[in-house]
C-alpha cells in the first residue's frame, strides 16, 4: 500500500487554502510536554509536521501504558480512538515536535465551495483510520503471544513486512518497546541477546550518541566527532553551576534538556573542563536514570586536584592546574570563547 498522509493528492496551493478553510493552527512542543489530552467526544485531529510523540493510556489505578508512537505525517485524535469515561489518553512529545491541529467539525462539515481538497482530505482520513485499525489488530496479535520471545518475533516480523526489508532500525527505545509489548525490559533485553547468539538476528556496530554540554564544549565536541570512525549522532544540553562567577556554586541549573531519548543508546558526554565535579556528577545521575546502554565521559581539560565529588572520566585531553582558562570554547563571563588557543585569565587587583 502506498504511503498515505492527510495531504496525499492535495496540491501545495490547495493545502494553503485548506489551512485557512479548516482554521488550522500550529504549535511546537518541547520534549516531555503534553500535546493533547483526549476527550470523550470527537473534537480535533493532530498532524505531526516534524518530531516524534507517544500516545499513552492511564487507567483508574494510575498505571501508564504506551499505546502507540507517532512520527512525521502521523495523525492522532479522538476520531481515531474515542476513549471510554474510565480511560485517560494523552499524547506527549518525545522530542521537539510541531503539530498542526484541525477541528473535527471543520472536516465533516462541507464548505460552501465544495472544494476538491476537502473531499480528498476526508478520503485520506478514512484510509488513515483503516490503516490505524490494521496496526492495532497487528498489536493485538503481538500481545496475544504467550512469551516475550514470541512477542518480539511477531513485532520484528511485522516491522520487516512494513519496511519491505530485513535490515531494520528499531523506531523506539528499549523501554518504549518493552511497554509497547507489555513485557519486562530486562527479560526483553536478555531475549534479544539470546536471539543474537542463536543467529536469528544480527546487530550492527555500536553507534555513539554524543551529548555536548553547552556552551563551552562545542568546539571540542565538533572536532572530536570528526575523529570518531563509527556512526555518530549528537544532542545538546545546557547546564551550569557557574553563572558569571569564576567559582562553582554547586547549584545545578539546566536551561536546555536533550531533544532525543537516550534509552538503550551508547552515550558519550562531552565536556570542556571538569573542576569540582559537582555539575557533571548531577548531569550523570540525571542521564543515567534515562536508561542509556552505556554512559561515558570525555573532557578536553581536567582539574582533578579541585575535585569535590568523585567522577570517573573515561577520556581526558589534558590535566591542568591553572585557575581559570579561556579560549577554544571556554569563557569568562561569556567572553573569549572565540580565541583560537587556550589561555589563563589573570585577575589584577585595582
Protein backbone atom coordinates (compact mmCIF):
# COMPACT_ATOMS: atom_id res chain seq x y z
CA UNK A 1 0.00 0.00 0.00
CA UNK A 2 1.29 3.45 -0.85
CA UNK A 3 2.22 5.85 1.93
CA UNK A 4 -0.93 7.80 2.80
CA UNK A 5 -0.85 11.16 4.61
CA UNK A 6 -3.51 13.73 5.37
CA UNK A 7 -2.29 15.71 2.31
CA UNK A 8 -1.99 12.86 -0.23
CA UNK A 9 -3.13 14.06 -3.71
CA UNK A 10 -3.68 17.60 -2.39
CA UNK A 11 -1.59 20.21 -4.21
CA UNK A 12 0.58 22.63 -2.16
CA UNK A 13 -1.58 25.63 -3.10
CA UNK A 14 -4.69 23.67 -2.10
CA UNK A 15 -3.05 22.81 1.21
CA UNK A 16 -2.65 26.52 1.97
CA UNK A 17 -6.33 27.16 1.20
CA UNK A 18 -7.25 24.16 3.30
CA UNK A 19 -5.37 25.54 6.31
CA UNK A 20 -7.45 28.70 6.11
CA UNK A 21 -10.73 26.90 5.41
CA UNK A 22 -10.24 24.47 8.31
CA UNK A 23 -8.88 27.11 10.72
CA UNK A 24 -5.72 25.02 11.12
CA UNK A 25 -3.28 26.13 13.81
CA UNK A 26 0.28 25.06 14.50
CA UNK A 27 2.10 24.67 17.82
CA UNK A 28 5.58 23.47 18.81
CA UNK A 29 6.10 21.27 21.89
CA UNK A 30 9.32 20.54 23.76
CA UNK A 31 10.43 17.05 24.76
CA UNK A 32 8.17 15.78 27.56
CA UNK A 33 5.38 18.30 27.05
CA UNK A 34 1.79 17.08 26.78
CA UNK A 35 0.49 17.77 23.29
CA UNK A 36 -3.11 16.72 23.71
CA UNK A 37 -5.44 15.05 26.21
CA UNK A 38 -8.24 13.05 24.64
CA UNK A 39 -11.87 13.86 25.47
CA UNK A 40 -14.94 11.62 25.24
CA UNK A 41 -16.17 13.43 22.11
CA UNK A 42 -14.56 13.89 18.70
CA UNK A 43 -13.04 17.37 18.86
CA UNK A 44 -9.78 17.65 16.93
CA UNK A 45 -7.18 15.97 14.78
CA UNK A 46 -3.45 16.43 15.20
CA UNK A 47 -0.93 16.09 12.37
CA UNK A 48 2.80 15.78 13.14
CA UNK A 49 4.74 18.18 10.89
CA UNK A 50 8.06 17.11 12.41
CA UNK A 51 9.28 15.35 15.53
CA UNK A 52 8.03 12.33 17.46
CA UNK A 53 5.27 11.78 20.02
CA UNK A 54 3.91 8.93 22.16
CA UNK A 55 0.28 8.05 22.89
CA UNK A 56 -0.24 6.85 26.47
CA UNK A 57 -3.22 5.46 28.37
CA UNK A 58 -3.61 5.87 32.12
CA UNK A 59 -6.06 3.57 33.90
CA UNK A 60 -8.11 4.20 37.05
CA UNK A 61 -5.28 2.81 39.23
CA UNK A 62 -2.76 5.27 37.81
CA UNK A 63 -0.87 2.74 35.68
CA UNK A 64 0.53 4.19 32.44
CA UNK A 65 0.67 2.21 29.19
CA UNK A 66 2.33 3.03 25.89
CA UNK A 67 -0.28 2.67 23.16
CA UNK A 68 1.39 4.00 20.00
CA UNK A 69 4.25 6.08 18.63
CA UNK A 70 3.72 8.88 16.12
CA UNK A 71 6.31 10.24 13.69
CA UNK A 72 6.24 12.76 10.84
CA UNK A 73 2.92 12.79 8.89
CA UNK A 74 1.16 10.69 11.53
CA UNK A 75 -2.30 11.77 12.66
CA UNK A 76 -4.00 11.31 16.02
CA UNK A 77 -7.04 12.44 17.94
CA UNK A 78 -10.47 11.30 19.07
CA UNK A 79 -11.65 10.34 15.54
CA UNK A 80 -9.06 7.52 15.64
CA UNK A 81 -9.51 6.50 19.27
CA UNK A 82 -12.52 7.59 21.29
CA UNK A 83 -11.83 6.71 24.95
CA UNK A 84 -14.31 5.43 27.48
CA UNK A 85 -15.03 7.58 30.53
CA UNK A 86 -12.75 5.40 32.69
CA UNK A 87 -9.75 5.81 30.37
CA UNK A 88 -7.36 8.75 30.13
CA UNK A 89 -5.44 9.02 26.86
CA UNK A 90 -2.86 11.67 26.12
CA UNK A 91 -0.10 12.40 23.61
CA UNK A 92 3.32 13.55 24.85
CA UNK A 93 6.24 14.86 22.79
CA UNK A 94 9.29 12.54 22.74
CA UNK A 95 11.45 15.29 21.23
CA UNK A 96 10.78 18.77 19.87
CA UNK A 97 7.59 18.28 17.86
CA UNK A 98 5.47 20.61 15.73
CA UNK A 99 1.77 19.84 15.39
CA UNK A 100 -0.96 21.15 13.11
CA UNK A 101 -4.37 20.96 14.78
CA UNK A 102 -7.65 20.82 12.83
CA UNK A 103 -11.08 20.91 14.48
CA UNK A 104 -13.06 17.80 13.59
CA UNK A 105 -16.23 19.78 12.91
CA UNK A 106 -14.49 21.66 10.09
CA UNK A 107 -13.59 18.33 8.46
CA UNK A 108 -17.06 16.78 8.49
CA UNK A 109 -18.88 19.99 7.64
CA UNK A 110 -18.77 20.59 3.89
CA UNK A 111 -17.76 24.14 2.95
CA UNK A 112 -19.84 26.28 0.57
CA UNK A 113 -17.33 25.97 -2.30
CA UNK A 114 -17.43 22.15 -2.22
CA UNK A 115 -13.62 22.19 -2.56
CA UNK A 116 -11.88 19.20 -4.15
CA UNK A 117 -9.25 19.22 -1.43
CA UNK A 118 -11.97 18.86 1.21
CA UNK A 119 -13.29 15.65 -0.35
CA UNK A 120 -9.76 14.33 -0.84
CA UNK A 121 -8.88 15.04 2.78
CA UNK A 122 -11.95 13.13 4.02
CA UNK A 123 -10.91 10.22 1.77
CA UNK A 124 -7.36 10.33 3.18
CA UNK A 125 -8.75 10.45 6.70
CA UNK A 126 -10.83 7.31 6.10
CA UNK A 127 -7.80 5.48 4.69
CA UNK A 128 -5.67 6.55 7.67
CA UNK A 129 -8.39 5.29 10.02
CA UNK A 130 -8.33 1.92 8.24
CA UNK A 131 -4.51 1.77 8.44
CA UNK A 132 -4.53 2.54 12.17
CA UNK A 133 -7.20 -0.13 12.69
CA UNK A 134 -4.98 -2.67 10.91
CA UNK A 135 -1.98 -1.63 13.03
CA UNK A 136 -3.99 -2.06 16.23
CA UNK A 137 -5.04 -5.54 15.09
CA UNK A 138 -1.36 -6.37 14.50
CA UNK A 139 -0.55 -5.21 18.01
CA UNK A 140 -3.35 -7.31 19.49
CA UNK A 141 -1.79 -10.30 17.73
CA UNK A 142 1.64 -9.46 19.20
CA UNK A 143 0.26 -9.08 22.72
CA UNK A 144 -1.60 -12.38 22.43
CA UNK A 145 1.67 -14.32 22.01
CA UNK A 146 2.49 -16.47 25.03
CA UNK A 147 6.11 -15.45 25.67
CA UNK A 148 8.49 -12.49 25.45
CA UNK A 149 10.36 -14.23 22.65
CA UNK A 150 7.21 -14.80 20.57
CA UNK A 151 6.09 -11.21 21.11
CA UNK A 152 9.49 -9.93 19.95
CA UNK A 153 9.48 -12.16 16.87
CA UNK A 154 5.93 -11.07 15.97
CA UNK A 155 6.96 -7.42 16.32
CA UNK A 156 10.15 -7.81 14.26
CA UNK A 157 8.35 -9.74 11.53
CA UNK A 158 5.64 -7.06 11.33
CA UNK A 159 8.29 -4.33 11.18
CA UNK A 160 10.16 -6.20 8.44
CA UNK A 161 6.96 -6.56 6.40
CA UNK A 162 6.15 -2.88 6.82
CA UNK A 163 9.65 -1.77 5.74
CA UNK A 164 9.94 -4.43 2.99
CA UNK A 165 13.41 -5.19 4.33
CA UNK A 166 15.22 -7.48 6.76
CA UNK A 167 17.56 -4.62 7.70
CA UNK A 168 15.71 -2.87 10.49
CA UNK A 169 16.21 0.03 12.85
CA UNK A 170 14.07 -0.04 15.96
CA UNK A 171 11.79 3.02 15.80
CA UNK A 172 11.62 3.29 19.60
CA UNK A 173 13.80 2.83 22.66
CA UNK A 174 14.11 -0.47 24.56
CA UNK A 175 11.99 0.90 27.40
CA UNK A 176 9.29 2.07 24.99
CA UNK A 177 9.36 -1.27 23.15
CA UNK A 178 9.01 -3.19 26.42
CA UNK A 179 5.99 -1.04 27.30
CA UNK A 180 4.57 -1.48 23.80
CA UNK A 181 4.82 -5.29 24.05
CA UNK A 182 3.82 -5.36 27.75
CA UNK A 183 6.95 -7.27 28.77
CA UNK A 184 9.68 -6.75 31.34
CA UNK A 185 12.53 -4.67 29.89
CA UNK A 186 15.29 -6.82 31.41
CA UNK A 187 13.66 -10.02 30.15
CA UNK A 188 13.26 -8.48 26.69
CA UNK A 189 16.93 -7.42 26.60
CA UNK A 190 18.02 -10.94 27.57
CA UNK A 191 15.81 -12.42 24.86
CA UNK A 192 17.29 -10.09 22.24
CA UNK A 193 20.76 -11.27 23.26
CA UNK A 194 19.61 -14.89 23.02
CA UNK A 195 18.21 -14.29 19.53
CA UNK A 196 21.53 -12.73 18.54
CA UNK A 197 23.57 -15.62 19.97
CA UNK A 198 21.36 -18.11 18.12
CA UNK A 199 21.95 -16.27 14.85
CA UNK A 200 18.27 -15.39 14.39
CA UNK A 201 19.01 -11.67 14.47
CA UNK A 202 22.24 -9.77 13.88
CA UNK A 203 23.08 -6.40 15.40
CA UNK A 204 25.12 -3.82 13.54
CA UNK A 205 28.06 -1.98 15.10
CA UNK A 206 27.73 0.41 18.00
CA UNK A 207 26.61 3.98 17.32
CA UNK A 208 27.88 6.74 19.60
CA UNK A 209 25.39 9.37 20.78
CA UNK A 210 27.41 12.43 21.73
CA UNK A 211 25.93 14.72 24.38
CA UNK A 212 27.57 18.12 24.04
CA UNK A 213 27.36 20.16 27.25
CA UNK A 214 26.76 23.74 26.15
CA UNK A 215 28.30 26.08 25.68
CA UNK A 216 31.98 25.54 26.37
CA UNK A 217 32.41 22.12 24.77
CA UNK A 218 31.02 23.00 21.32
CA UNK A 219 34.41 23.49 19.64
CA UNK A 220 35.89 20.36 21.24
CA UNK A 221 32.79 18.26 20.50
CA UNK A 222 32.80 19.23 16.82
CA UNK A 223 36.49 18.34 16.42
CA UNK A 224 36.12 15.13 18.43
CA UNK A 225 33.18 13.98 16.27
CA UNK A 226 35.38 14.24 13.17
CA UNK A 227 37.84 11.75 14.70
CA UNK A 228 35.28 9.08 15.63
CA UNK A 229 35.11 6.34 12.99
CA UNK A 230 31.79 4.68 13.97
CA UNK A 231 28.38 6.28 13.26
CA UNK A 232 27.71 9.33 15.44
CA UNK A 233 24.58 11.20 16.47
CA UNK A 234 24.60 14.36 18.56
CA UNK A 235 22.42 16.18 21.06
CA UNK A 236 22.93 19.18 23.34
CA UNK A 237 22.33 20.00 26.99
CA UNK A 238 22.84 23.36 28.68
CA UNK A 239 23.75 23.07 32.36
CA UNK A 240 25.78 25.29 34.65
CA UNK A 241 26.86 25.82 38.22
CA UNK A 242 28.94 28.90 37.48
CA UNK A 243 26.77 31.69 36.00
CA UNK A 244 29.08 34.71 35.70
CA UNK A 245 31.29 33.62 38.59
CA UNK A 246 34.74 32.05 38.46
CA UNK A 247 33.98 29.51 41.18
CA UNK A 248 31.36 26.76 41.02
CA UNK A 249 28.29 27.46 43.17
CA UNK A 250 27.35 23.77 43.39
CA UNK A 251 23.77 24.53 42.32
CA UNK A 252 22.87 22.83 39.03
CA UNK A 253 20.76 24.74 36.53
CA UNK A 254 19.57 23.01 33.35
CA UNK A 255 18.41 25.55 30.80
CA UNK A 256 18.19 23.17 27.83
CA UNK A 257 17.41 19.47 28.11
CA UNK A 258 18.08 16.82 25.48
CA UNK A 259 15.76 16.66 22.48
CA UNK A 260 16.20 12.90 21.94
CA UNK A 261 15.52 9.85 24.09
CA UNK A 262 18.77 8.14 25.17
CA UNK A 263 17.22 4.88 26.37
CA UNK A 264 19.28 1.97 25.04
CA UNK A 265 21.87 4.23 23.38
CA UNK A 266 25.64 4.37 23.90
CA UNK A 267 26.17 7.91 25.17
CA UNK A 268 29.33 9.99 25.39
CA UNK A 269 29.13 13.16 27.49
CA UNK A 270 31.49 15.78 26.07
CA UNK A 271 32.75 18.43 28.48
CA UNK A 272 35.14 21.34 28.07
CA UNK A 273 36.63 21.25 31.56
CA UNK A 274 35.93 19.32 34.77
CA UNK A 275 36.59 21.18 38.00
CA UNK A 276 34.80 20.32 41.25
CA UNK A 277 32.77 17.61 39.53
CA UNK A 278 29.52 18.88 41.09
CA UNK A 279 27.88 19.82 37.79
CA UNK A 280 28.98 16.71 35.91
CA UNK A 281 28.04 14.35 38.76
CA UNK A 282 24.48 15.68 38.77
CA UNK A 283 24.27 15.51 34.97
CA UNK A 284 25.45 11.88 35.05
CA UNK A 285 22.83 11.00 37.66
CA UNK A 286 20.12 12.65 35.60
CA UNK A 287 21.12 10.90 32.39
CA UNK A 288 21.75 7.50 33.99
CA UNK A 289 18.12 7.48 35.14
CA UNK A 290 17.09 7.54 31.45
CA UNK A 291 18.48 4.01 30.88
CA UNK A 292 21.29 4.50 28.32
CA UNK A 293 23.09 1.34 27.22
CA UNK A 294 26.32 2.99 28.38
CA UNK A 295 27.39 6.40 29.64
CA UNK A 296 30.97 7.62 29.28
CA UNK A 297 32.69 10.98 29.74
CA UNK A 298 35.21 12.79 27.54
CA UNK A 299 36.71 16.11 28.59
CA UNK A 300 39.14 18.46 26.93
CA UNK A 301 40.65 19.58 30.26
CA UNK A 302 40.57 18.15 33.78
CA UNK A 303 41.45 19.61 37.18
CA UNK A 304 41.48 16.50 39.42
CA UNK A 305 43.10 18.40 42.31
CA UNK A 306 39.96 20.58 42.51
CA UNK A 307 37.59 17.63 42.73
CA UNK A 308 34.86 17.74 45.41
CA UNK A 309 32.81 14.84 44.03
CA UNK A 310 34.17 11.57 42.62
CA UNK A 311 33.61 11.46 38.85
CA UNK A 312 35.01 8.71 36.65
CA UNK A 313 36.37 10.35 33.49
CA UNK A 314 36.91 7.94 30.61
CA UNK A 315 38.79 10.18 28.16
CA UNK A 316 40.89 13.23 29.09
CA UNK A 317 42.69 15.61 26.76
CA UNK A 318 44.96 17.30 29.30
CA UNK A 319 45.24 17.63 33.07
CA UNK A 320 45.70 21.28 34.09
CA UNK A 321 46.19 23.25 37.29
CA UNK A 322 45.56 26.79 36.03
CA UNK A 323 42.89 28.68 37.98
CA UNK A 324 40.72 29.84 35.10
CA UNK A 325 41.16 29.01 31.41
CA UNK A 326 39.56 30.63 28.36
CA UNK A 327 39.61 30.07 24.60
CA UNK A 328 38.60 27.23 22.26
CA UNK A 329 35.04 27.48 23.57
CA UNK A 330 35.84 28.19 27.22
CA UNK A 331 34.77 31.59 28.52
CA UNK A 332 34.90 34.08 31.34
CA UNK A 333 31.50 35.81 31.74
CA UNK A 334 30.67 34.77 28.14
CA UNK A 335 33.84 36.35 26.72
CA UNK A 336 36.91 34.92 24.94
CA UNK A 337 35.25 31.74 23.60
CA UNK A 338 36.44 32.53 20.08
CA UNK A 339 40.16 32.59 20.93
CA UNK A 340 41.92 30.00 18.73
CA UNK A 341 44.07 28.88 21.69
CA UNK A 342 43.78 28.18 25.42
CA UNK A 343 44.90 30.85 27.87
CA UNK A 344 44.81 31.54 31.59
CA UNK A 345 42.93 34.55 32.94
CA UNK A 346 44.96 36.79 35.23
CA UNK A 347 42.97 38.94 37.64
CA UNK A 348 44.55 42.26 38.55
CA UNK A 349 43.66 43.97 41.84
CA UNK A 350 42.69 47.60 41.29
